[in-house]
Amino acid sequence: MTITLFFQQLLNGLSIGSTYAIFALGYTLVYSILGIINLSHGAVFTLGAYFTYALMGGVFGFSGVLANAALPFGLPFILALILGSIFAGLVGVIIERFAFLPLRRKGSDPLLTVVSSLGIAQIIVNLIQYLVGAENYTFPANTYGNLPPAINFGTPENPIPIRTVQIVIFVISVIVVAILTYFINRTKYGKAMQAIAEDPITASLLGINSDFFIVFTFFISSFLAGMAGTLLASSVSIAGPYFGIAFGLRGLAVIVLGGLGSIPGAVVGGFLIGIVEAFVPEQYSGYKDAVAFGILFIMLLVRPQGLLGRKFIQKV
C-alpha cells in the first residue's frame, strides 16, 4: 500500500467513523438514562436523511403516496441538516411517549421495551415505504455549495485527493461531539442527566425532574441519529427505507466495543470501526461487517466491559 492510498483510507475511516460515533452517542445516552437499547434508533437515522432531503427541495420518486412530491422551496444544506435533525428529535420524543413511557409506568421488564422499540422501528420503516417508496435518493451535486468535489492534501508530484464530502462530514461530526461533550460535562442540564444516570431515585429526591430529562435525552439521541443519517446519506445516498438498519447494527457494535454507557467509548469505538472498515481491501468489501463484528467478538472475550466501560460488579 502506497503512502497516498494509506492516507486516503485513513481519512475515509475517520470520516465514516465520526458518523458512527455520533450515531452511537444516541444509543449511549438512552442506555445511560434508562439502561435499555432503543432499537428504533436506526429507523430514526433513516428518517433524518429523508427529512433533510425533503427540506433541500428533493423530489420523491414514482411510487408511494407522495410520488413526485417536493416542497416549493429548497433550504441550504446546513439549515436543512439542523431542521431535519430537529424533526428526527421530535420523532424520538413521540417514540418515548408512546413506546417507552407506558411500559416504564407499569414497571415492565426492560426486555419488553426493547421489543416495543423494535416494533416502532418496523412501523417507521413501513410508513416510509408507504409514503415515498423504496427507491434510492441521492443528494444533489451542489449539496455543499461551490466547494470542489475533492481537495488535494499532497503535492502536485504526489497528490492525495480526498473527497470534500468526507472532510465536511468529519468536521461537522467533530464539532457535534465537542458540543455534546461540553454540554454533558459543563452545563446544569448535562449534570442533571448524569445524576439521573447514576441514581434516578436520589436525583428525584434532589428535585430533578426525571421525566423531563428522559424526554430531553430521547430528543438529543434522535437528533444525533437524524444528523448521522443525513451526513452518511450525503456521501453514499439514501438506500431506501431500510437504510438505517445495517448502520443500527454497527451502532450497537460501536457502543459495546467502546463500553456500554461510556460517551468517550462511543467516540473511540466509532472511529476504530470506521478505520478498520476503511482498510478492508476492495475485493473483500462485502465482508466489512464480518471484520467489524469479529473485532467486537474478540473484545467481548478479552474485555467484556468494552474499551472504556466500567467493570460491572454484582452486589449480593
Protein backbone atom coordinates (compact mmCIF):
# COMPACT_ATOMS: atom_id res chain seq x y z
CA MET A 1 0.00 0.00 0.00
CA THR A 2 1.39 3.39 -1.02
CA ILE A 3 1.53 6.36 1.38
CA THR A 4 -1.07 8.15 -0.74
CA LEU A 5 -3.53 5.26 -0.53
CA PHE A 6 -2.84 4.86 3.19
CA PHE A 7 -3.75 8.48 3.95
CA GLN A 8 -6.80 8.30 1.71
CA GLN A 9 -8.08 5.22 3.51
CA LEU A 10 -7.25 6.70 6.91
CA LEU A 11 -9.26 9.84 6.17
CA ASN A 12 -12.06 7.69 4.76
CA GLY A 13 -12.09 5.75 8.01
CA LEU A 14 -12.10 8.91 10.13
CA SER A 15 -15.00 10.28 8.08
CA ILE A 16 -17.23 7.22 8.35
CA GLY A 17 -16.05 6.58 11.91
CA SER A 18 -17.09 10.05 13.02
CA THR A 19 -20.59 9.35 11.68
CA TYR A 20 -20.69 6.05 13.57
CA ALA A 21 -19.58 7.93 16.68
CA ILE A 22 -22.39 10.49 16.76
CA PHE A 23 -24.90 7.78 15.84
CA ALA A 24 -23.66 5.57 18.69
CA LEU A 25 -23.78 8.51 21.11
CA GLY A 26 -27.55 8.48 20.72
CA TYR A 27 -27.66 4.82 21.76
CA THR A 28 -25.34 5.59 24.68
CA LEU A 29 -27.39 8.48 26.08
CA VAL A 30 -30.60 6.44 26.24
CA TYR A 31 -28.78 3.44 27.70
CA SER A 32 -27.16 5.64 30.35
CA ILE A 33 -30.51 7.04 31.49
CA LEU A 34 -32.83 4.03 31.18
CA GLY A 35 -30.46 1.07 30.89
CA ILE A 36 -32.10 -0.12 27.67
CA ILE A 37 -31.18 -0.32 23.98
CA ASN A 38 -33.52 1.66 21.72
CA LEU A 39 -33.79 -0.45 18.58
CA SER A 40 -35.84 2.21 16.80
CA HIS A 41 -32.68 4.35 16.65
CA GLY A 42 -31.77 3.04 13.19
CA ALA A 43 -35.21 3.94 11.81
CA VAL A 44 -34.86 7.50 13.15
CA PHE A 45 -31.43 7.58 11.47
CA THR A 46 -33.21 6.90 8.18
CA LEU A 47 -35.91 9.49 8.85
CA GLY A 48 -33.31 12.20 9.44
CA ALA A 49 -31.89 11.64 5.97
CA TYR A 50 -35.36 11.79 4.36
CA PHE A 51 -36.27 14.96 6.28
CA THR A 52 -33.11 16.75 5.15
CA TYR A 53 -33.52 15.55 1.57
CA ALA A 54 -37.09 16.93 1.51
CA LEU A 55 -36.09 20.25 3.10
CA MET A 56 -33.43 20.74 0.43
CA GLY A 57 -36.16 20.56 -2.21
CA GLY A 58 -35.59 16.94 -3.17
CA VAL A 59 -38.21 15.31 -5.38
CA PHE A 60 -39.58 11.92 -4.34
CA GLY A 61 -39.83 9.03 -6.77
CA PHE A 62 -42.55 7.38 -8.80
CA SER A 63 -44.12 5.22 -6.09
CA GLY A 64 -45.71 5.82 -2.74
CA VAL A 65 -48.40 8.26 -1.64
CA LEU A 66 -46.01 11.20 -2.09
CA ALA A 67 -44.84 10.17 -5.58
CA ASN A 68 -43.28 13.11 -7.47
CA ALA A 69 -43.90 15.39 -4.47
CA ALA A 70 -41.49 18.14 -3.43
CA LEU A 71 -41.55 21.20 -1.21
CA PRO A 72 -41.92 24.56 -3.01
CA PHE A 73 -38.57 25.67 -1.62
CA GLY A 74 -35.08 24.31 -1.03
CA LEU A 75 -33.01 25.16 2.02
CA PRO A 76 -29.19 25.26 2.15
CA PHE A 77 -27.64 22.03 3.38
CA ILE A 78 -26.59 23.20 6.86
CA LEU A 79 -30.00 24.68 7.63
CA ALA A 80 -31.79 21.62 6.25
CA LEU A 81 -29.44 19.38 8.27
CA ILE A 82 -30.29 21.16 11.52
CA LEU A 83 -34.04 21.29 10.88
CA GLY A 84 -34.14 17.69 9.66
CA SER A 85 -32.30 16.59 12.80
CA ILE A 86 -34.73 18.57 14.96
CA PHE A 87 -37.65 16.81 13.28
CA ALA A 88 -35.92 13.48 13.95
CA GLY A 89 -35.53 14.56 17.58
CA LEU A 90 -39.25 15.27 17.83
CA VAL A 91 -39.97 11.81 16.41
CA GLY A 92 -37.78 10.43 19.20
CA VAL A 93 -39.90 12.26 21.76
CA ILE A 94 -43.07 10.76 20.26
CA ILE A 95 -41.50 7.29 20.40
CA GLU A 96 -40.62 7.76 24.06
CA ARG A 97 -44.15 8.92 24.93
CA PHE A 98 -45.91 6.04 23.13
CA ALA A 99 -43.45 3.13 23.25
CA PHE A 100 -41.45 3.63 26.44
CA LEU A 101 -43.46 5.72 28.93
CA PRO A 102 -46.45 3.36 29.32
CA LEU A 103 -44.17 0.37 29.94
CA ARG A 104 -41.99 2.38 32.34
CA ARG A 105 -45.04 3.45 34.38
CA LYS A 106 -46.14 -0.17 34.69
CA GLY A 107 -42.66 -1.25 35.79
CA SER A 108 -42.38 -3.68 32.88
CA ASP A 109 -39.34 -5.80 32.26
CA PRO A 110 -36.68 -3.88 30.24
CA LEU A 111 -36.81 -6.61 27.60
CA LEU A 112 -40.37 -5.55 26.76
CA THR A 113 -39.19 -2.01 25.99
CA VAL A 114 -36.62 -3.43 23.61
CA VAL A 115 -39.34 -5.42 21.84
CA SER A 116 -41.55 -2.31 21.78
CA SER A 117 -38.80 -0.22 20.18
CA LEU A 118 -38.24 -2.93 17.58
CA GLY A 119 -41.94 -2.78 16.70
CA ILE A 120 -41.78 1.01 16.37
CA ALA A 121 -38.79 0.64 14.04
CA GLN A 122 -40.77 -1.64 11.74
CA ILE A 123 -43.71 0.78 11.75
CA ILE A 124 -41.45 3.68 10.75
CA VAL A 125 -39.75 1.68 8.00
CA ASN A 126 -43.08 0.58 6.53
CA LEU A 127 -44.50 4.09 6.82
CA ILE A 128 -41.54 5.47 4.86
CA GLN A 129 -42.06 2.85 2.17
CA TYR A 130 -45.79 3.64 2.02
CA LEU A 131 -45.17 7.39 1.66
CA VAL A 132 -42.12 7.62 -0.63
CA GLY A 133 -41.49 4.12 -1.93
CA ALA A 134 -38.32 2.09 -1.72
CA GLU A 135 -36.19 3.97 -4.26
CA ASN A 136 -32.71 5.26 -3.61
CA TYR A 137 -32.41 9.02 -3.24
CA THR A 138 -29.21 10.88 -3.93
CA PHE A 139 -28.44 14.33 -2.58
CA PRO A 140 -27.80 16.96 -5.29
CA ALA A 141 -24.27 17.55 -6.55
CA ASN A 142 -24.28 21.09 -5.14
CA THR A 143 -25.19 19.94 -1.64
CA TYR A 144 -22.06 21.59 -0.24
CA GLY A 145 -22.34 24.73 -2.36
CA ASN A 146 -19.40 25.74 -4.51
CA LEU A 147 -16.84 23.55 -2.77
CA PRO A 148 -14.75 21.44 -5.15
CA PRO A 149 -15.53 17.71 -5.38
CA ALA A 150 -12.11 16.87 -3.89
CA ILE A 151 -9.28 18.61 -2.07
CA ASN A 152 -5.62 17.76 -2.60
CA PHE A 153 -3.64 17.27 0.62
CA GLY A 154 -0.45 16.29 -1.15
CA THR A 155 1.84 17.90 -3.68
CA PRO A 156 1.48 18.19 -7.47
CA GLU A 157 4.01 15.38 -7.78
CA ASN A 158 2.36 13.19 -5.16
CA PRO A 159 -1.33 14.22 -4.89
CA ILE A 160 -3.55 12.92 -2.08
CA PRO A 161 -7.10 13.79 -3.23
CA ILE A 162 -9.79 13.50 -0.57
CA ARG A 163 -13.49 13.85 -1.33
CA THR A 164 -14.81 17.12 0.05
CA VAL A 165 -17.90 15.38 1.42
CA GLN A 166 -15.70 13.27 3.70
CA ILE A 167 -13.92 16.31 5.07
CA VAL A 168 -17.22 18.11 5.69
CA ILE A 169 -18.68 15.05 7.43
CA PHE A 170 -15.62 14.71 9.65
CA VAL A 171 -15.57 18.40 10.61
CA ILE A 172 -19.31 18.52 11.40
CA SER A 173 -19.10 15.30 13.42
CA VAL A 174 -16.15 16.54 15.47
CA ILE A 175 -17.98 19.80 16.21
CA VAL A 176 -21.11 17.91 17.29
CA VAL A 177 -19.12 15.56 19.56
CA ALA A 178 -17.29 18.52 21.12
CA ILE A 179 -20.55 20.41 21.77
CA LEU A 180 -22.22 17.34 23.27
CA THR A 181 -19.20 16.60 25.50
CA TYR A 182 -19.20 20.18 26.77
CA PHE A 183 -22.96 20.06 27.32
CA ILE A 184 -22.84 16.81 29.32
CA ASN A 185 -19.84 17.76 31.46
CA ARG A 186 -20.17 21.52 31.90
CA THR A 187 -23.83 22.52 31.92
CA LYS A 188 -26.53 22.21 34.57
CA TYR A 189 -28.72 20.12 32.29
CA GLY A 190 -25.86 17.79 31.46
CA LYS A 191 -25.01 17.25 35.12
CA ALA A 192 -28.68 16.56 35.86
CA MET A 193 -28.64 13.87 33.16
CA GLN A 194 -25.51 12.37 34.73
CA ALA A 195 -27.22 12.37 38.14
CA ILE A 196 -30.25 10.52 36.77
CA ALA A 197 -27.99 8.01 35.03
CA GLU A 198 -26.09 7.40 38.29
CA ASP A 199 -29.07 7.15 40.66
CA PRO A 200 -32.56 8.17 39.43
CA ILE A 201 -34.17 7.85 42.89
CA THR A 202 -31.65 10.12 44.59
CA ALA A 203 -31.84 12.54 41.66
CA SER A 204 -35.62 12.78 42.11
CA LEU A 205 -35.21 13.39 45.84
CA LEU A 206 -32.88 16.27 44.98
CA GLY A 207 -35.61 17.90 42.90
CA ILE A 208 -34.51 16.79 39.43
CA ASN A 209 -37.46 16.18 37.11
CA SER A 210 -36.56 12.72 35.82
CA ASP A 211 -39.46 12.55 33.36
CA PHE A 212 -38.44 15.81 31.68
CA PHE A 213 -34.83 14.73 31.33
CA ILE A 214 -35.79 11.34 29.92
CA VAL A 215 -37.79 13.12 27.19
CA PHE A 216 -34.91 15.54 26.69
CA THR A 217 -32.47 12.64 26.36
CA PHE A 218 -34.63 10.99 23.70
CA PHE A 219 -34.74 14.26 21.79
CA ILE A 220 -30.94 14.63 21.80
CA SER A 221 -30.46 10.95 20.99
CA SER A 222 -32.80 11.09 17.99
CA PHE A 223 -31.37 14.45 16.91
CA LEU A 224 -27.95 12.79 16.73
CA ALA A 225 -29.39 9.81 14.84
CA GLY A 226 -31.05 12.08 12.29
CA MET A 227 -27.86 14.07 11.80
CA ALA A 228 -25.77 10.92 11.37
CA GLY A 229 -28.26 9.60 8.81
CA THR A 230 -28.08 12.80 6.78
CA LEU A 231 -24.29 13.00 6.85
CA LEU A 232 -23.90 9.42 5.71
CA ALA A 233 -26.63 9.74 3.07
CA SER A 234 -24.98 12.87 1.65
CA SER A 235 -21.94 10.70 0.98
CA VAL A 236 -23.48 7.44 -0.26
CA SER A 237 -27.23 8.22 -0.92
CA ILE A 238 -30.37 7.12 0.92
CA ALA A 239 -30.60 3.43 0.17
CA GLY A 240 -34.32 3.01 0.78
CA PRO A 241 -36.40 2.66 3.96
CA TYR A 242 -34.07 0.02 5.42
CA PHE A 243 -31.10 2.36 5.06
CA GLY A 244 -30.61 2.68 8.82
CA ILE A 245 -30.99 -0.98 9.78
CA ALA A 246 -27.45 -2.08 8.87
CA PHE A 247 -25.99 1.05 10.41
CA GLY A 248 -28.10 0.44 13.51
CA LEU A 249 -26.28 -2.87 13.95
CA ARG A 250 -22.95 -1.12 13.53
CA GLY A 251 -24.03 1.39 16.16
CA LEU A 252 -24.66 -1.45 18.58
CA ALA A 253 -21.23 -2.84 17.81
CA VAL A 254 -19.70 0.58 18.48
CA ILE A 255 -21.25 1.06 21.91
CA VAL A 256 -20.39 -2.48 23.03
CA LEU A 257 -16.84 -2.09 21.74
CA GLY A 258 -16.38 1.29 23.43
CA GLY A 259 -18.21 0.33 26.61
CA LEU A 260 -21.94 0.48 27.34
CA GLY A 261 -22.89 3.87 28.74
CA SER A 262 -19.50 5.45 28.02
CA ILE A 263 -19.61 8.61 25.88
CA PRO A 264 -15.83 8.61 25.23
CA GLY A 265 -16.12 4.89 24.49
CA ALA A 266 -18.77 5.52 21.82
CA VAL A 267 -16.48 8.04 20.13
CA VAL A 268 -13.41 5.80 20.28
CA GLY A 269 -15.39 2.75 19.16
CA GLY A 270 -16.89 4.66 16.24
CA PHE A 271 -13.53 5.83 14.95
CA LEU A 272 -11.97 2.40 15.45
CA ILE A 273 -14.64 0.52 13.49
CA GLY A 274 -14.66 3.20 10.79
CA ILE A 275 -10.88 2.95 10.29
CA VAL A 276 -10.92 -0.85 10.31
CA GLU A 277 -13.66 -0.92 7.66
CA ALA A 278 -11.76 1.58 5.51
CA PHE A 279 -8.69 -0.66 5.37
CA VAL A 280 -10.60 -3.77 4.28
CA PRO A 281 -9.36 -4.47 0.72
CA GLU A 282 -11.81 -3.52 -2.01
CA GLN A 283 -12.18 -7.09 -3.24
CA TYR A 284 -13.36 -8.06 0.25
CA SER A 285 -15.61 -5.04 0.81
CA GLY A 286 -18.61 -7.33 1.22
CA TYR A 287 -17.04 -8.66 4.40
CA LYS A 288 -16.68 -5.33 6.22
CA ASP A 289 -19.41 -6.21 8.67
CA ALA A 290 -17.73 -9.54 9.42
CA VAL A 291 -14.46 -7.77 10.21
CA ALA A 292 -16.13 -5.20 12.46
CA PHE A 293 -18.15 -7.78 14.37
CA GLY A 294 -15.14 -10.09 14.52
CA ILE A 295 -13.28 -7.36 16.42
CA LEU A 296 -16.30 -6.94 18.64
CA PHE A 297 -16.40 -10.68 19.39
CA ILE A 298 -12.73 -10.71 20.35
CA MET A 299 -13.25 -7.65 22.57
CA LEU A 300 -16.12 -9.35 24.39
CA LEU A 301 -13.89 -12.34 25.10
CA VAL A 302 -10.92 -10.27 26.26
CA ARG A 303 -12.62 -7.27 27.89
CA PRO A 304 -16.41 -7.70 28.22
CA GLN A 305 -16.93 -4.19 29.60
CA GLY A 306 -15.50 -2.66 26.41
CA LEU A 307 -12.55 -0.37 25.86
CA LEU A 308 -13.63 2.43 28.20
CA GLY A 309 -16.53 0.85 30.06
CA ARG A 310 -16.62 0.20 33.77
CA LYS A 311 -16.46 -3.35 35.03
CA PHE A 312 -19.82 -4.48 36.38
CA ILE A 313 -19.72 -5.65 39.99
CA GLN A 314 -22.69 -7.73 41.07
CA LYS A 315 -23.89 -6.95 44.58
CA VAL A 316 -25.15 -9.76 46.81
